[in-house]
Each structure stands twice: as C-alpha cells, then as structure tokens.
Amino acid sequence: MIAARSAGEAALAADQLRAALTAAGIRVTGTGVDPLVWDSLADGPIRLVELGSAHPSDVHRLAAIILAGAGT
C-alpha cells in the first residue's frame, strides 16, 4: 500500500517535471519513477523520481531558469 501510494505520487511528480521541462524547451531522457522503495527518515518509505540524462546545452538552460526563478 505505501509503495503503491508513493509510486503514484512519484509518477505524478515525474509527469509534472516532464511537462514543465517540455514547456521550457528542455529535453531530458529517462525521467521516471525509481523502481526501488527508499526508506526516508523524514518521510518513511518513498519512491524517488529519476531525473534522467540531458544534453549539456539543455542543462545550461535549466540552470539559468532555476537561477532566474531563485532571483540570482
């Protein structure tokens, strides 16, 4: 039950990330849900989101977007 709930939450987070990256024109391959369940001290058993691999130019753009959003 816990793994199924955290898998759904992780899948939703991965989908939201993919949509946001696509809207920003950034391509990241392999974004998805880690098949393993991790035991987090803060949150208990949880599935993590794999961020995948990206072309260096896309990573530079992603970093610029994050820094702009952080106000730096």
PDB file of N, CA and C in Angstrom:
ATOM      1  N   MET A   1       0.820  -1.196   0.000  1.00  0.00           N
ATOM      2  CA  MET A   1       0.000   0.000   0.000  1.00  0.00           C
ATOM      3  C   MET A   1       0.864   1.261   0.000  1.00  0.00           C
ATOM      4  N   ILE A   2       1.851   1.331   0.901  1.00  0.00           N
ATOM      5  CA  ILE A   2       2.715   2.513   0.959  1.00  0.00           C
ATOM      6  C   ILE A   2       3.470   2.666  -0.359  1.00  0.00           C
ATOM      7  N   ALA A   3       4.019   1.561  -0.868  1.00  0.00           N
ATOM      8  CA  ALA A   3       4.789   1.633  -2.115  1.00  0.00           C
ATOM      9  C   ALA A   3       3.905   2.070  -3.273  1.00  0.00           C
ATOM     10  N   ALA A   4       2.669   1.589  -3.316  1.00  0.00           N
ATOM     11  CA  ALA A   4       1.753   1.979  -4.398  1.00  0.00           C
ATOM     12  C   ALA A   4       1.424   3.459  -4.307  1.00  0.00           C
ATOM     13  N   ARG A   5       1.172   3.939  -3.087  1.00  0.00           N
ATOM     14  CA  ARG A   5       0.854   5.365  -2.913  1.00  0.00           C
ATOM     15  C   ARG A   5       2.043   6.229  -3.308  1.00  0.00           C
ATOM     16  N   SER A   6       3.243   5.859  -2.836  1.00  0.00           N
ATOM     17  CA  SER A   6       4.415   6.670  -3.155  1.00  0.00           C
ATOM     18  C   SER A   6       4.770   6.560  -4.632  1.00  0.00           C
ATOM     19  N   ALA A   7       4.479   5.406  -5.258  1.00  0.00           N
ATOM     20  CA  ALA A   7       4.724   5.264  -6.703  1.00  0.00           C
ATOM     21  C   ALA A   7       3.818   6.207  -7.470  1.00  0.00           C
ATOM     22  N   GLY A   8       2.555   6.328  -7.049  1.00  0.00           N
ATOM     23  CA  GLY A   8       1.633   7.251  -7.712  1.00  0.00           C
ATOM     24  C   GLY A   8       2.064   8.692  -7.546  1.00  0.00           C
ATOM     25  N   GLU A   9       2.508   9.034  -6.350  1.00  0.00           N
ATOM     26  CA  GLU A   9       2.986  10.391  -6.086  1.00  0.00           C
ATOM     27  C   GLU A   9       4.231  10.691  -6.915  1.00  0.00           C
ATOM     28  N   ALA A  10       5.146   9.724  -6.982  1.00  0.00           N
ATOM     29  CA  ALA A  10       6.372   9.908  -7.761  1.00  0.00           C
ATOM     30  C   ALA A  10       6.048  10.013  -9.251  1.00  0.00           C
ATOM     31  N   ALA A  11       5.095   9.213  -9.737  1.00  0.00           N
ATOM     32  CA  ALA A  11       4.707   9.271 -11.146  1.00  0.00           C
ATOM     33  C   ALA A  11       4.113  10.635 -11.485  1.00  0.00           C
ATOM     34  N   LEU A  12       3.282  11.167 -10.600  1.00  0.00           N
ATOM     35  CA  LEU A  12       2.698  12.492 -10.813  1.00  0.00           C
ATOM     36  C   LEU A  12       3.789  13.558 -10.843  1.00  0.00           C
ATOM     37  N   ALA A  13       4.737  13.468  -9.909  1.00  0.00           N
ATOM     38  CA  ALA A  13       5.842  14.431  -9.872  1.00  0.00           C
ATOM     39  C   ALA A  13       6.681  14.353 -11.141  1.00  0.00           C
ATOM     40  N   ALA A  14       6.964  13.126 -11.616  1.00  0.00           N
ATOM     41  CA  ALA A  14       7.741  12.949 -12.844  1.00  0.00           C
ATOM     42  C   ALA A  14       6.989  13.524 -14.044  1.00  0.00           C
ATOM     43  N   ASP A  15       5.675  13.297 -14.097  1.00  0.00           N
ATOM     44  CA  ASP A  15       4.861  13.847 -15.193  1.00  0.00           C
ATOM     45  C   ASP A  15       4.879  15.373 -15.178  1.00  0.00           C
ATOM     46  N   GLN A  16       4.755  15.958 -13.986  1.00  0.00           N
ATOM     47  CA  GLN A  16       4.779  17.418 -13.874  1.00  0.00           C
ATOM     48  C   GLN A  16       6.137  17.979 -14.295  1.00  0.00           C
ATOM     49  N   LEU A  17       7.205  17.302 -13.898  1.00  0.00           N
ATOM     50  CA  LEU A  17       8.541  17.748 -14.281  1.00  0.00           C
ATOM     51  C   LEU A  17       8.723  17.667 -15.786  1.00  0.00           C
ATOM     52  N   ARG A  18       8.316  16.536 -16.389  1.00  0.00           N
ATOM     53  CA  ARG A  18       8.423  16.386 -17.845  1.00  0.00           C
ATOM     54  C   ARG A  18       7.658  17.492 -18.561  1.00  0.00           C
ATOM     55  N   ALA A  19       6.445  17.791 -18.101  1.00  0.00           N
ATOM     56  CA  ALA A  19       5.629  18.833 -18.729  1.00  0.00           C
ATOM     57  C   ALA A  19       6.292  20.205 -18.612  1.00  0.00           C
ATOM     58  N   ALA A  20       6.837  20.508 -17.430  1.00  0.00           N
ATOM     59  CA  ALA A  20       7.498  21.800 -17.224  1.00  0.00           C
ATOM     60  C   ALA A  20       8.749  21.919 -18.090  1.00  0.00           C
ATOM     61  N   LEU A  21       9.537  20.847 -18.155  1.00  0.00           N
ATOM     62  CA  LEU A  21      10.749  20.877 -18.983  1.00  0.00           C
ATOM     63  C   LEU A  21      10.395  21.020 -20.460  1.00  0.00           C
ATOM     64  N   THR A  22       9.375  20.302 -20.891  1.00  0.00           N
ATOM     65  CA  THR A  22       8.946  20.391 -22.285  1.00  0.00           C
ATOM     66  C   THR A  22       8.479  21.803 -22.607  1.00  0.00           C
ATOM     67  N   ALA A  23       7.709  22.412 -21.707  1.00  0.00           N
ATOM     68  CA  ALA A  23       7.235  23.783 -21.918  1.00  0.00           C
ATOM     69  C   ALA A  23       8.393  24.769 -22.025  1.00  0.00           C
ATOM     70  N   ALA A  24       9.494  24.473 -21.332  1.00  0.00           N
ATOM     71  CA  ALA A  24      10.681  25.336 -21.372  1.00  0.00           C
ATOM     72  C   ALA A  24      11.611  24.977 -22.526  1.00  0.00           C
ATOM     73  N   GLY A  25      11.227  23.958 -23.317  1.00  0.00           N
ATOM     74  CA  GLY A  25      12.052  23.543 -24.452  1.00  0.00           C
ATOM     75  C   GLY A  25      13.279  22.756 -24.047  1.00  0.00           C
ATOM     76  N   ILE A  26      13.237  22.099 -22.899  1.00  0.00           N
ATOM     77  CA  ILE A  26      14.376  21.337 -22.390  1.00  0.00           C
ATOM     78  C   ILE A  26      14.074  19.850 -22.518  1.00  0.00           C
ATOM     79  N   ARG A  27      15.007  19.121 -23.133  1.00  0.00           N
ATOM     80  CA  ARG A  27      14.842  17.679 -23.332  1.00  0.00           C
ATOM     81  C   ARG A  27      15.653  16.917 -22.293  1.00  0.00           C
ATOM     82  N   VAL A  28      14.968  16.075 -21.547  1.00  0.00           N
ATOM     83  CA  VAL A  28      15.620  15.205 -20.570  1.00  0.00           C
ATOM     84  C   VAL A  28      15.099  13.794 -20.811  1.00  0.00           C
ATOM     85  N   THR A  29      16.013  12.861 -21.051  1.00  0.00           N
ATOM     86  CA  THR A  29      15.590  11.485 -21.282  1.00  0.00           C
ATOM     87  C   THR A  29      15.629  10.695 -19.983  1.00  0.00           C
ATOM     88  N   GLY A  30      14.776   9.734 -19.861  1.00  0.00           N
ATOM     89  CA  GLY A  30      14.810   8.825 -18.723  1.00  0.00           C
ATOM     90  C   GLY A  30      14.156   9.342 -17.463  1.00  0.00           C
ATOM     91  N   THR A  31      13.412  10.440 -17.540  1.00  0.00           N
ATOM     92  CA  THR A  31      12.711  10.920 -16.351  1.00  0.00           C
ATOM     93  C   THR A  31      11.595   9.939 -16.024  1.00  0.00           C
ATOM     94  N   GLY A  32      11.576   9.460 -14.794  1.00  0.00           N
ATOM     95  CA  GLY A  32      10.557   8.490 -14.416  1.00  0.00           C
ATOM     96  C   GLY A  32      10.656   8.143 -12.942  1.00  0.00           C
ATOM     97  N   VAL A  33       9.996   7.056 -12.566  1.00  0.00           N
ATOM     98  CA  VAL A  33       9.944   6.628 -11.178  1.00  0.00           C
ATOM     99  C   VAL A  33      10.990   5.543 -10.929  1.00  0.00           C
ATOM    100  N   ASP A  34      11.779   5.722  -9.894  1.00  0.00           N
ATOM    101  CA  ASP A  34      12.752   4.713  -9.486  1.00  0.00           C
ATOM    102  C   ASP A  34      11.983   3.471  -9.041  1.00  0.00           C
ATOM    103  N   PRO A  35      12.346   2.285  -9.531  1.00  0.00           N
ATOM    104  CA  PRO A  35      11.594   1.083  -9.158  1.00  0.00           C
ATOM    105  C   PRO A  35      11.800   0.635  -7.711  1.00  0.00           C
ATOM    106  N   LEU A  36      12.822   1.142  -7.066  1.00  0.00           N
ATOM    107  CA  LEU A  36      13.093   0.754  -5.679  1.00  0.00           C
ATOM    108  C   LEU A  36      12.358   1.656  -4.703  1.00  0.00           C
ATOM    109  N   VAL A  37      12.026   1.134  -3.558  1.00  0.00           N
ATOM    110  CA  VAL A  37      11.428   1.917  -2.480  1.00  0.00           C
ATOM    111  C   VAL A  37      12.551   2.309  -1.524  1.00  0.00           C
ATOM    112  N   TRP A  38      12.671   3.596  -1.248  1.00  0.00           N
ATOM    113  CA  TRP A  38      13.703   4.106  -0.359  1.00  0.00           C
ATOM    114  C   TRP A  38      13.088   4.415   0.996  1.00  0.00           C
ATOM    115  N   ASP A  39      13.823   4.173   2.062  1.00  0.00           N
ATOM    116  CA  ASP A  39      13.337   4.467   3.404  1.00  0.00           C
ATOM    117  C   ASP A  39      13.917   5.805   3.837  1.00  0.00           C
ATOM    118  N   SER A  40      13.076   6.819   3.833  1.00  0.00           N
ATOM    119  CA  SER A  40      13.478   8.164   4.203  1.00  0.00           C
ATOM    120  C   SER A  40      13.196   8.392   5.682  1.00  0.00           C
ATOM    121  N   LEU A  41      14.160   8.935   6.396  1.00  0.00           N
ATOM    122  CA  LEU A  41      13.945   9.228   7.820  1.00  0.00           C
ATOM    123  C   LEU A  41      12.814  10.232   7.999  1.00  0.00           C
ATOM    124  N   ALA A  42      12.725  11.197   7.103  1.00  0.00           N
ATOM    125  CA  ALA A  42      11.708  12.242   7.228  1.00  0.00           C
ATOM    126  C   ALA A  42      10.331  11.790   6.756  1.00  0.00           C
ATOM    127  N   ASP A  43      10.278  10.963   5.687  1.00  0.00           N
ATOM    128  CA  ASP A  43       9.005  10.639   5.044  1.00  0.00           C
ATOM    129  C   ASP A  43       8.620   9.173   5.088  1.00  0.00           C
ATOM    130  N   GLY A  44       9.475   8.310   5.609  1.00  0.00           N
ATOM    131  CA  GLY A  44       9.197   6.879   5.591  1.00  0.00           C
ATOM    132  C   GLY A  44       9.474   6.302   4.210  1.00  0.00           C
ATOM    133  N   PRO A  45       8.911   5.135   3.890  1.00  0.00           N
ATOM    134  CA  PRO A  45       9.142   4.510   2.585  1.00  0.00           C
ATOM    135  C   PRO A  45       8.605   5.386   1.455  1.00  0.00           C
ATOM    136  N   ILE A  46       9.423   5.609   0.451  1.00  0.00           N
ATOM    137  CA  ILE A  46       9.038   6.508  -0.645  1.00  0.00           C
ATOM    138  C   ILE A  46       9.734   6.092  -1.932  1.00  0.00           C
ATOM    139  N   ARG A  47       9.100   6.337  -3.049  1.00  0.00           N
ATOM    140  CA  ARG A  47       9.722   6.146  -4.361  1.00  0.00           C
ATOM    141  C   ARG A  47      10.341   7.474  -4.776  1.00  0.00           C
ATOM    142  N   LEU A  48      11.526   7.431  -5.345  1.00  0.00           N
ATOM    143  CA  LEU A  48      12.200   8.631  -5.827  1.00  0.00           C
ATOM    144  C   LEU A  48      11.931   8.822  -7.306  1.00  0.00           C
ATOM    145  N   VAL A  49      12.116  10.051  -7.771  1.00  0.00           N
ATOM    146  CA  VAL A  49      11.978  10.374  -9.191  1.00  0.00           C
ATOM    147  C   VAL A  49      13.368  10.410  -9.804  1.00  0.00           C
ATOM    148  N   GLU A  50      13.554   9.657 -10.889  1.00  0.00           N
ATOM    149  CA  GLU A  50      14.814   9.694 -11.631  1.00  0.00           C
ATOM    150  C   GLU A  50      14.752  10.877 -12.590  1.00  0.00           C
ATOM    151  N   LEU A  51      15.772  11.702 -12.563  1.00  0.00           N
ATOM    152  CA  LEU A  51      15.755  12.903 -13.386  1.00  0.00           C
ATOM    153  C   LEU A  51      16.258  12.662 -14.797  1.00  0.00           C
ATOM    154  N   GLY A  52      16.996  11.601 -15.028  1.00  0.00           N
ATOM    155  CA  GLY A  52      17.420  11.258 -16.380  1.00  0.00           C
ATOM    156  C   GLY A  52      18.675  11.986 -16.828  1.00  0.00           C
ATOM    157  N   SER A  53      18.963  11.842 -18.115  1.00  0.00           N
ATOM    158  CA  SER A  53      20.151  12.439 -18.722  1.00  0.00           C
ATOM    159  C   SER A  53      19.724  13.564 -19.655  1.00  0.00           C
ATOM    160  N   ALA A  54      20.609  14.533 -19.824  1.00  0.00           N
ATOM    161  CA  ALA A  54      20.292  15.669 -20.679  1.00  0.00           C
ATOM    162  C   ALA A  54      21.537  16.137 -21.420  1.00  0.00           C
ATOM    163  N   HIS A  55      21.318  16.759 -22.564  1.00  0.00           N
ATOM    164  CA  HIS A  55      22.385  17.369 -23.353  1.00  0.00           C
ATOM    165  C   HIS A  55      22.927  18.565 -22.560  1.00  0.00           C
ATOM    166  N   PRO A  56      24.244  18.799 -22.593  1.00  0.00           N
ATOM    167  CA  PRO A  56      24.807  19.910 -21.823  1.00  0.00           C
ATOM    168  C   PRO A  56      24.133  21.259 -22.090  1.00  0.00           C
ATOM    169  N   SER A  57      23.760  21.524 -23.330  1.00  0.00           N
ATOM    170  CA  SER A  57      23.110  22.815 -23.613  1.00  0.00           C
ATOM    171  C   SER A  57      21.763  22.921 -22.899  1.00  0.00           C
ATOM    172  N   ASP A  58      21.038  21.805 -22.792  1.00  0.00           N
ATOM    173  CA  ASP A  58      19.775  21.810 -22.064  1.00  0.00           C
ATOM    174  C   ASP A  58      19.999  22.007 -20.572  1.00  0.00           C
ATOM    175  N   VAL A  59      21.077  21.433 -20.038  1.00  0.00           N
ATOM    176  CA  VAL A  59      21.394  21.601 -18.621  1.00  0.00           C
ATOM    177  C   VAL A  59      21.748  23.053 -18.317  1.00  0.00           C
ATOM    178  N   HIS A  60      22.491  23.705 -19.220  1.00  0.00           N
ATOM    179  CA  HIS A  60      22.801  25.132 -19.041  1.00  0.00           C
ATOM    180  C   HIS A  60      21.514  25.958 -19.000  1.00  0.00           C
ATOM    181  N   ARG A  61      20.578  25.659 -19.897  1.00  0.00           N
ATOM    182  CA  ARG A  61      19.303  26.381 -19.925  1.00  0.00           C
ATOM    183  C   ARG A  61      18.497  26.119 -18.664  1.00  0.00           C
ATOM    184  N   LEU A  62      18.480  24.869 -18.216  1.00  0.00           N
ATOM    185  CA  LEU A  62      17.762  24.522 -16.994  1.00  0.00           C
ATOM    186  C   LEU A  62      18.351  25.267 -15.793  1.00  0.00           C
ATOM    187  N   ALA A  63      19.670  25.290 -15.700  1.00  0.00           N
ATOM    188  CA  ALA A  63      20.329  26.008 -14.600  1.00  0.00           C
ATOM    189  C   ALA A  63      19.986  27.497 -14.644  1.00  0.00           C
ATOM    190  N   ALA A  64      19.970  28.093 -15.829  1.00  0.00           N
ATOM    191  CA  ALA A  64      19.635  29.512 -15.968  1.00  0.00           C
ATOM    192  C   ALA A  64      18.195  29.783 -15.514  1.00  0.00           C
ATOM    193  N   ILE A  65      17.269  28.889 -15.869  1.00  0.00           N
ATOM    194  CA  ILE A  65      15.869  29.043 -15.473  1.00  0.00           C
ATOM    195  C   ILE A  65      15.742  28.944 -13.944  1.00  0.00           C
ATOM    196  N   ILE A  66      16.429  27.981 -13.354  1.00  0.00           N
ATOM    197  CA  ILE A  66      16.366  27.814 -11.900  1.00  0.00           C
ATOM    198  C   ILE A  66      16.957  29.029 -11.199  1.00  0.00           C
ATOM    199  N   LEU A  67      18.093  29.500 -11.672  1.00  0.00           N
ATOM    200  CA  LEU A  67      18.727  30.676 -11.058  1.00  0.00           C
ATOM    201  C   LEU A  67      17.854  31.911 -11.217  1.00  0.00           C
ATOM    202  N   ALA A  68      17.223  32.078 -12.373  1.00  0.00           N
ATOM    203  CA  ALA A  68      16.335  33.224 -12.592  1.00  0.00           C
ATOM    204  C   ALA A  68      15.148  33.155 -11.635  1.00  0.00           C
ATOM    205  N   GLY A  69      14.617  31.970 -11.440  1.00  0.00           N
ATOM    206  CA  GLY A  69      13.494  31.800 -10.520  1.00  0.00           C
ATOM    207  C   GLY A  69      13.888  32.025  -9.069  1.00  0.00           C
ATOM    208  N   ALA A  70      15.153  31.756  -8.764  1.00  0.00           N
ATOM    209  CA  ALA A  70      15.653  31.960  -7.399  1.00  0.00           C
ATOM    210  C   ALA A  70      16.059  33.399  -7.163  1.00  0.00           C
ATOM    211  N   GLY A  71      16.016  34.198  -8.219  1.00  0.00           N
ATOM    212  CA  GLY A  71      16.353  35.614  -8.076  1.00  0.00           C
ATOM    213  C   GLY A  71      17.823  35.909  -8.019  1.00  0.00           C
ATOM    214  N   THR A  72      18.646  34.977  -8.531  1.00  0.00           N
ATOM    215  CA  THR A  72      20.098  35.217  -8.512  1.00  0.00           C
ATOM    216  C   THR A  72      20.619  35.506  -9.897  1.00  0.00           C
TER     217      THR A  72
END
